[in-house]
Amino acid sequence: MEIKNLVRKNILSLKPYTSARQSHLTGILLDANENSYGSVLENFTSLQLNRYPDPQQTQLRQSLGEALNIPTQNLFFGVGSDEIIDLLIRVFCYPEKDKVIVCEPTYGMYKVACDINGVGVINVPLDQNFQLDTEAIKKSVDDKTKIIFICSPNNPSSNLIESKQILELAKELNVLVAVDEAYIDFSEHGGLIKQTLEYPNLVVMRTFSKAWGLAGVRCGFCAANEEIINLLFKVKAPYNMNKLTSNAILGAIKNISKRNEFIRKILSERKKLEKELRQREKVLNVLPSDANFISFKVGNPQKVFSYLETNGIVIRDRSNQFNFVGYLRVTVGTEGENNLFLKKLDEIL
């Protein structure tokens, strides 16, 4: 398929803003009206915060590419996955004309980003097992459909979406298939990031917010066909990745063993927490999890949520979400946090 046939024509002809640091990162830099004397943050002198960051994200892409065995030219970094979601919509979808498919219940930002950009949203619900209804998706696609957003493992149902279904859609449909793998590190499945090198219309997004423990840094990335990556660079803000964030991410990639330790602890606690929830008679259902959270169903979700909140335990009430009536979502915490959650849950149940 031809990716350019999906792109908005004004984006294809767009001449992107050319920033000073796009051409020069070193030397006597008198080209960008920076403060040549330095930064007021003296503890970060080695980062040269008085200079703009690299708009090409060169070090970030090289470092992550080596860690994932993905070519540098197939990677793009954003301010969280949310920026990438927004950029994909802006690149491929004409406002008030094109459409995007989501499969609810799922992550709410896909629809919010579409609403902000004036792009129509078609909901093709997940089936009773929270898997894709591929035939319904195919029937919903027309010449105005540009993107299918798929969250895998899905939020809030916590299950991995079958990769065979996703790749079938990417192979058969002339649309962008954007897979959000924010929680893939907690799954036994390796994800679909390598398949982006085979399928020109497949985009896989990931984040440093979950397993890496860097939610406060706000950094996500995606892997995709080089043509798609170039389009994202064409429309992004000139300096979307700041030096403080970049430095934190570069340090994180070098300390992948710490991430793996976090994953091991979370998976151990997830197993115990899931077992405990299943043993409670008034917990009506517990969904198996491939993520760092568990969704469980109770008869009076608002009452349970409010009681826990009053006692300082904050979970998410998803009981009013499409096809998710009665469910609450709890993040897997530390052993102490999980035990306190269960204690207070027992009190209200």
Protein backbone atom coordinates (compact mmCIF):
# COMPACT_ATOMS: atom_id res chain seq x y z
CA MET A 1 0.00 0.00 0.00
CA GLU A 2 1.02 3.63 -0.51
CA ILE A 3 1.21 5.51 2.81
CA LYS A 4 1.08 8.86 1.02
CA ASN A 5 -2.42 8.03 -0.20
CA LEU A 6 -3.61 8.18 3.43
CA VAL A 7 -1.88 11.46 4.27
CA ARG A 8 -3.56 14.86 4.20
CA LYS A 9 -2.45 16.65 1.03
CA ASN A 10 -1.46 19.82 2.89
CA ILE A 11 0.89 17.75 5.06
CA LEU A 12 2.56 16.24 2.00
CA SER A 13 3.23 19.72 0.63
CA LEU A 14 4.06 21.25 4.02
CA LYS A 15 7.45 22.90 4.35
CA PRO A 16 8.33 22.23 8.00
CA TYR A 17 9.86 24.83 10.27
CA THR A 18 13.66 24.67 10.13
CA SER A 19 15.14 25.13 13.59
CA ALA A 20 18.70 26.26 14.25
CA ARG A 21 19.74 23.06 16.01
CA GLN A 22 18.59 21.02 13.04
CA SER A 23 21.81 21.91 11.27
CA HIS A 24 24.30 22.60 14.08
CA LEU A 25 24.60 21.13 17.57
CA THR A 26 28.21 22.12 18.28
CA GLY A 27 30.53 25.05 17.60
CA ILE A 28 30.33 28.73 18.50
CA LEU A 29 26.55 28.87 18.39
CA LEU A 30 25.35 32.39 17.69
CA ASP A 31 22.42 31.38 15.51
CA ALA A 32 19.41 30.78 17.78
CA ASN A 33 19.32 33.79 20.13
CA GLU A 34 20.16 31.59 23.12
CA ASN A 35 21.89 32.78 26.30
CA SER A 36 25.58 32.14 25.60
CA TYR A 37 26.52 32.62 29.27
CA GLY A 38 24.76 29.50 30.49
CA SER A 39 21.72 28.45 32.53
CA VAL A 40 20.52 29.48 35.99
CA LEU A 41 20.31 25.76 36.86
CA GLU A 42 23.94 25.20 37.83
CA ASN A 43 23.54 21.51 38.67
CA PHE A 44 22.89 20.75 35.00
CA THR A 45 25.81 22.54 33.35
CA SER A 46 26.89 19.37 31.55
CA LEU A 47 23.56 19.33 29.72
CA GLN A 48 24.04 22.87 28.39
CA LEU A 49 20.45 23.82 29.14
CA ASN A 50 21.07 27.24 27.64
CA ARG A 51 21.16 25.53 24.24
CA TYR A 52 18.15 24.08 22.42
CA PRO A 53 17.92 20.27 22.28
CA ASP A 54 18.51 18.12 19.23
CA PRO A 55 15.30 18.23 17.16
CA GLN A 56 16.29 14.98 15.42
CA GLN A 57 16.40 13.05 18.72
CA THR A 58 19.63 11.46 17.50
CA GLN A 59 21.04 10.07 20.76
CA LEU A 60 17.65 8.89 21.97
CA ARG A 61 16.90 7.03 18.77
CA GLN A 62 20.37 5.47 18.56
CA SER A 63 20.35 4.31 22.18
CA LEU A 64 16.84 2.86 22.08
CA GLY A 65 17.39 1.39 18.63
CA GLU A 66 20.37 -0.58 19.94
CA ALA A 67 18.37 -1.79 22.96
CA LEU A 68 15.41 -2.92 20.84
CA ASN A 69 17.36 -3.92 17.74
CA ILE A 70 15.27 -1.49 15.68
CA PRO A 71 16.86 0.80 13.05
CA THR A 72 17.22 4.40 14.19
CA GLN A 73 15.23 5.68 11.22
CA ASN A 74 12.20 3.69 12.36
CA LEU A 75 11.89 5.38 15.77
CA PHE A 76 10.24 8.59 16.96
CA PHE A 77 9.96 10.08 20.46
CA GLY A 78 7.04 12.10 21.76
CA VAL A 79 5.85 13.81 24.93
CA GLY A 80 4.20 10.64 26.12
CA SER A 81 2.29 8.39 23.74
CA ASP A 82 -0.46 11.01 23.82
CA GLU A 83 1.55 13.37 21.61
CA ILE A 84 2.10 10.58 19.10
CA ILE A 85 -1.62 9.76 19.06
CA ASP A 86 -2.39 13.42 18.35
CA LEU A 87 0.29 13.70 15.65
CA LEU A 88 -0.98 10.61 13.82
CA ILE A 89 -4.47 12.08 13.71
CA ARG A 90 -3.17 15.44 12.49
CA VAL A 91 -1.02 13.87 9.78
CA PHE A 92 -3.58 11.46 8.36
CA CYS A 93 -7.06 12.82 9.12
CA TYR A 94 -8.86 15.77 7.56
CA PRO A 95 -11.06 17.50 10.17
CA GLU A 96 -14.81 17.09 9.62
CA LYS A 97 -14.11 14.57 6.86
CA ASP A 98 -12.09 11.51 7.90
CA LYS A 99 -12.79 8.86 10.53
CA VAL A 100 -10.94 6.78 13.06
CA ILE A 101 -11.97 3.40 14.48
CA VAL A 102 -11.66 2.59 18.19
CA CYS A 103 -12.67 -0.64 19.91
CA GLU A 104 -14.30 0.04 23.26
CA PRO A 105 -13.90 -0.37 26.09
CA THR A 106 -10.45 1.11 25.57
CA TYR A 107 -8.13 4.01 26.39
CA GLY A 108 -10.11 7.24 26.27
CA MET A 109 -7.47 9.51 24.72
CA TYR A 110 -7.98 8.14 21.22
CA LYS A 111 -11.48 9.61 21.14
CA VAL A 112 -10.49 12.78 22.99
CA ALA A 113 -7.69 13.46 20.49
CA CYS A 114 -10.11 12.88 17.62
CA ASP A 115 -12.69 15.20 19.18
CA ILE A 116 -10.07 17.92 19.60
CA ASN A 117 -9.08 17.58 15.95
CA GLY A 118 -12.65 17.41 14.67
CA VAL A 119 -12.27 13.85 13.41
CA GLY A 120 -15.12 11.34 13.51
CA VAL A 121 -14.90 8.26 15.73
CA ILE A 122 -16.48 4.91 14.91
CA ASN A 123 -16.74 2.48 17.82
CA VAL A 124 -16.48 -1.18 16.82
CA PRO A 125 -16.82 -2.84 20.24
CA LEU A 126 -14.56 -5.61 21.44
CA ASP A 127 -16.27 -8.98 21.66
CA GLN A 128 -17.31 -10.70 24.90
CA ASN A 129 -13.72 -11.85 25.44
CA PHE A 130 -12.42 -8.31 24.90
CA GLN A 131 -10.85 -9.29 21.58
CA LEU A 132 -11.22 -7.57 18.21
CA ASP A 133 -14.27 -8.22 16.09
CA THR A 134 -12.22 -8.21 12.90
CA GLU A 135 -15.14 -8.81 10.54
CA ALA A 136 -17.09 -5.89 12.03
CA ILE A 137 -14.00 -3.70 11.75
CA LYS A 138 -13.55 -4.60 8.07
CA LYS A 139 -17.19 -3.80 7.38
CA SER A 140 -16.82 -0.41 9.11
CA VAL A 141 -13.86 0.69 7.00
CA ASP A 142 -14.55 2.93 4.01
CA ASP A 143 -12.55 5.46 1.98
CA LYS A 144 -12.81 7.99 4.83
CA THR A 145 -11.32 5.66 7.43
CA LYS A 146 -7.68 6.50 8.10
CA ILE A 147 -6.64 4.94 11.43
CA ILE A 148 -7.59 2.01 13.65
CA PHE A 149 -6.40 2.49 17.25
CA ILE A 150 -5.83 -0.75 19.18
CA CYS A 151 -4.65 -0.93 22.80
CA SER A 152 -2.78 -4.16 23.59
CA PRO A 153 -2.73 -5.10 26.43
CA ASN A 154 -6.01 -3.25 26.53
CA ASN A 155 -6.93 -0.63 29.09
CA PRO A 156 -9.18 -1.24 31.03
CA SER A 157 -9.75 -4.95 30.28
CA SER A 158 -6.02 -5.72 30.80
CA ASN A 159 -5.84 -8.48 28.16
CA LEU A 160 -3.47 -8.85 25.27
CA ILE A 161 -5.16 -8.46 21.88
CA GLU A 162 -4.41 -11.41 19.60
CA SER A 163 -1.52 -10.41 17.35
CA LYS A 164 -2.87 -12.54 14.51
CA GLN A 165 -6.00 -10.35 14.42
CA ILE A 166 -3.99 -7.12 14.40
CA LEU A 167 -1.66 -8.24 11.62
CA GLU A 168 -4.62 -9.49 9.59
CA LEU A 169 -6.09 -5.99 9.66
CA ALA A 170 -2.75 -4.41 8.76
CA LYS A 171 -2.34 -6.80 5.83
CA GLU A 172 -5.84 -6.56 4.39
CA LEU A 173 -6.85 -2.93 5.00
CA ASN A 174 -5.51 0.27 3.45
CA VAL A 175 -5.57 2.13 6.75
CA LEU A 176 -3.07 2.92 9.46
CA VAL A 177 -3.13 0.35 12.28
CA ALA A 178 -1.82 2.05 15.42
CA VAL A 179 -1.14 -0.33 18.31
CA ASP A 180 -0.68 1.12 21.79
CA GLU A 181 1.62 -1.21 23.75
CA ALA A 182 1.93 0.87 26.91
CA TYR A 183 1.60 -2.25 29.08
CA ILE A 184 3.42 -4.79 26.92
CA ASP A 185 6.32 -5.13 29.38
CA PHE A 186 3.97 -6.90 31.80
CA SER A 187 2.93 -9.47 29.23
CA GLU A 188 4.68 -12.69 28.25
CA HIS A 189 4.20 -11.66 24.62
CA GLY A 190 7.03 -9.67 23.07
CA GLY A 191 4.70 -7.31 21.26
CA LEU A 192 4.61 -6.26 17.63
CA ILE A 193 7.41 -3.73 17.45
CA LYS A 194 9.56 -5.85 15.09
CA GLN A 195 6.58 -6.33 12.75
CA THR A 196 6.63 -2.59 11.98
CA LEU A 197 9.59 -3.38 9.72
CA GLU A 198 7.38 -5.73 7.69
CA TYR A 199 4.03 -3.92 7.58
CA PRO A 200 4.22 -0.38 6.11
CA ASN A 201 0.94 0.71 7.75
CA LEU A 202 1.67 -0.63 11.26
CA VAL A 203 2.62 1.78 14.04
CA VAL A 204 3.51 0.51 17.52
CA MET A 205 3.55 2.97 20.41
CA ARG A 206 5.22 2.42 23.78
CA THR A 207 5.93 4.49 26.87
CA PHE A 208 8.44 4.99 29.65
CA SER A 209 5.61 5.76 32.09
CA LYS A 210 4.80 2.22 33.26
CA ALA A 211 7.49 -0.46 33.62
CA TRP A 212 10.31 2.10 33.53
CA GLY A 213 8.74 4.10 36.37
CA LEU A 214 9.09 7.44 34.56
CA ALA A 215 5.50 8.69 34.34
CA GLY A 216 6.60 12.12 35.60
CA VAL A 217 9.11 12.50 32.77
CA ARG A 218 6.43 12.26 30.02
CA CYS A 219 8.12 10.32 27.27
CA GLY A 220 6.77 7.84 24.76
CA PHE A 221 8.00 6.51 21.46
CA CYS A 222 6.80 4.67 18.42
CA ALA A 223 8.25 2.39 15.80
CA ALA A 224 6.96 2.53 12.24
CA ASN A 225 7.79 2.56 8.57
CA GLU A 226 10.42 5.23 7.82
CA GLU A 227 7.93 7.16 5.68
CA ILE A 228 5.56 7.50 8.65
CA ILE A 229 8.44 8.49 10.97
CA ASN A 230 9.48 11.24 8.55
CA LEU A 231 5.91 12.56 8.50
CA LEU A 232 5.86 12.74 12.30
CA PHE A 233 9.12 14.68 12.29
CA LYS A 234 7.64 16.98 9.67
CA VAL A 235 4.72 18.11 11.85
CA LYS A 236 6.02 17.85 15.43
CA ALA A 237 7.01 20.93 17.42
CA PRO A 238 10.65 21.80 16.63
CA TYR A 239 12.00 20.86 20.07
CA ASN A 240 9.42 18.48 21.50
CA MET A 241 11.96 16.46 23.52
CA ASN A 242 13.76 18.63 26.09
CA LYS A 243 17.25 17.89 27.39
CA LEU A 244 16.18 16.99 30.93
CA THR A 245 13.77 14.37 29.60
CA SER A 246 16.31 13.08 27.08
CA ASN A 247 18.98 12.76 29.75
CA ALA A 248 16.61 10.83 32.02
CA ILE A 249 15.64 8.46 29.21
CA LEU A 250 19.24 7.84 28.15
CA GLY A 251 20.05 6.97 31.76
CA ALA A 252 17.04 4.69 31.98
CA ILE A 253 17.99 2.72 28.86
CA LYS A 254 21.41 2.05 30.39
CA ASN A 255 19.71 0.70 33.53
CA ILE A 256 17.33 -1.79 31.93
CA SER A 257 18.12 -4.30 34.70
CA LYS A 258 16.29 -2.04 37.16
CA ARG A 259 13.25 -2.02 34.89
CA ASN A 260 13.33 -5.81 34.78
CA GLU A 261 13.47 -5.91 38.57
CA PHE A 262 10.38 -3.67 38.75
CA ILE A 263 8.56 -5.96 36.32
CA ARG A 264 9.42 -9.05 38.36
CA LYS A 265 8.06 -7.50 41.56
CA ILE A 266 4.91 -6.21 39.89
CA LEU A 267 4.16 -9.56 38.26
CA SER A 268 4.63 -11.34 41.59
CA GLU A 269 2.24 -8.95 43.34
CA ARG A 270 -0.22 -9.12 40.44
CA LYS A 271 -0.44 -12.88 40.79
CA LYS A 272 -1.11 -12.65 44.53
CA LEU A 273 -3.61 -9.80 44.17
CA GLU A 274 -5.54 -11.58 41.42
CA LYS A 275 -5.71 -14.74 43.57
CA GLU A 276 -6.95 -12.77 46.58
CA LEU A 277 -9.65 -10.99 44.58
CA ARG A 278 -10.92 -14.27 43.13
CA GLN A 279 -11.36 -15.66 46.63
CA ARG A 280 -13.83 -12.94 47.62
CA GLU A 281 -17.43 -14.04 47.15
CA LYS A 282 -18.75 -10.53 46.51
CA VAL A 283 -16.19 -9.90 43.78
CA LEU A 284 -18.28 -11.07 40.84
CA ASN A 285 -15.51 -11.33 38.25
CA VAL A 286 -11.77 -10.79 37.97
CA LEU A 287 -10.33 -10.32 34.51
CA PRO A 288 -7.00 -12.06 33.80
CA SER A 289 -4.30 -9.45 33.39
CA ASP A 290 -1.41 -8.91 30.99
CA ALA A 291 -0.83 -5.44 32.45
CA ASN A 292 0.14 -3.83 35.77
CA PHE A 293 -3.48 -3.50 36.84
CA ILE A 294 -6.48 -5.73 37.49
CA SER A 295 -10.11 -5.00 36.66
CA PHE A 296 -12.72 -6.62 38.88
CA LYS A 297 -16.51 -6.50 39.00
CA VAL A 298 -18.65 -5.82 42.05
CA GLY A 299 -22.37 -5.29 42.56
CA ASN A 300 -22.06 -1.76 43.93
CA PRO A 301 -18.97 -0.21 42.28
CA GLN A 302 -19.65 3.44 43.19
CA LYS A 303 -20.13 2.56 46.85
CA VAL A 304 -16.93 0.50 46.92
CA PHE A 305 -14.99 3.20 45.11
CA SER A 306 -16.22 5.94 47.47
CA TYR A 307 -15.43 3.93 50.59
CA LEU A 308 -11.90 3.21 49.43
CA GLU A 309 -11.41 6.86 48.46
CA THR A 310 -12.60 8.00 51.89
CA ASN A 311 -9.98 5.71 53.41
CA GLY A 312 -7.21 7.14 51.26
CA ILE A 313 -7.09 4.37 48.68
CA VAL A 314 -7.64 5.69 45.18
CA ILE A 315 -8.52 3.27 42.38
CA ARG A 316 -10.36 3.93 39.09
CA ASP A 317 -14.10 3.60 38.66
CA ARG A 318 -14.67 2.20 35.17
CA SER A 319 -18.20 0.97 35.90
CA ASN A 320 -19.84 3.41 33.50
CA GLN A 321 -17.49 2.75 30.59
CA PHE A 322 -18.92 1.20 27.42
CA ASN A 323 -19.35 -2.59 27.82
CA PHE A 324 -17.65 -2.45 31.21
CA VAL A 325 -20.55 -2.00 33.62
CA GLY A 326 -19.73 -2.78 37.24
CA TYR A 327 -15.94 -2.89 36.89
CA LEU A 328 -13.32 -1.16 39.02
CA ARG A 329 -9.65 -1.00 38.09
CA VAL A 330 -6.84 -1.27 40.62
CA THR A 331 -3.16 -0.76 39.85
CA VAL A 332 -0.81 -3.36 41.27
CA GLY A 333 0.99 -1.57 44.09
CA THR A 334 3.62 -2.58 46.62
CA GLU A 335 2.92 -5.50 48.94
CA GLY A 336 1.91 -3.13 51.72
CA GLU A 337 -0.36 -1.07 49.46
CA ASN A 338 -2.05 -4.17 48.09
CA ASN A 339 -2.65 -5.61 51.55
CA LEU A 340 -4.21 -2.35 52.77
CA PHE A 341 -6.39 -2.20 49.65
CA LEU A 342 -7.66 -5.74 50.29
CA LYS A 343 -8.32 -4.97 53.94
CA LYS A 344 -10.44 -1.93 53.14
CA LEU A 345 -12.13 -3.76 50.26
CA ASP A 346 -13.19 -6.48 52.70
CA GLU A 347 -14.63 -3.88 55.03
CA ILE A 348 -16.94 -2.41 52.39
CA LEU A 349 -17.82 -5.74 50.79
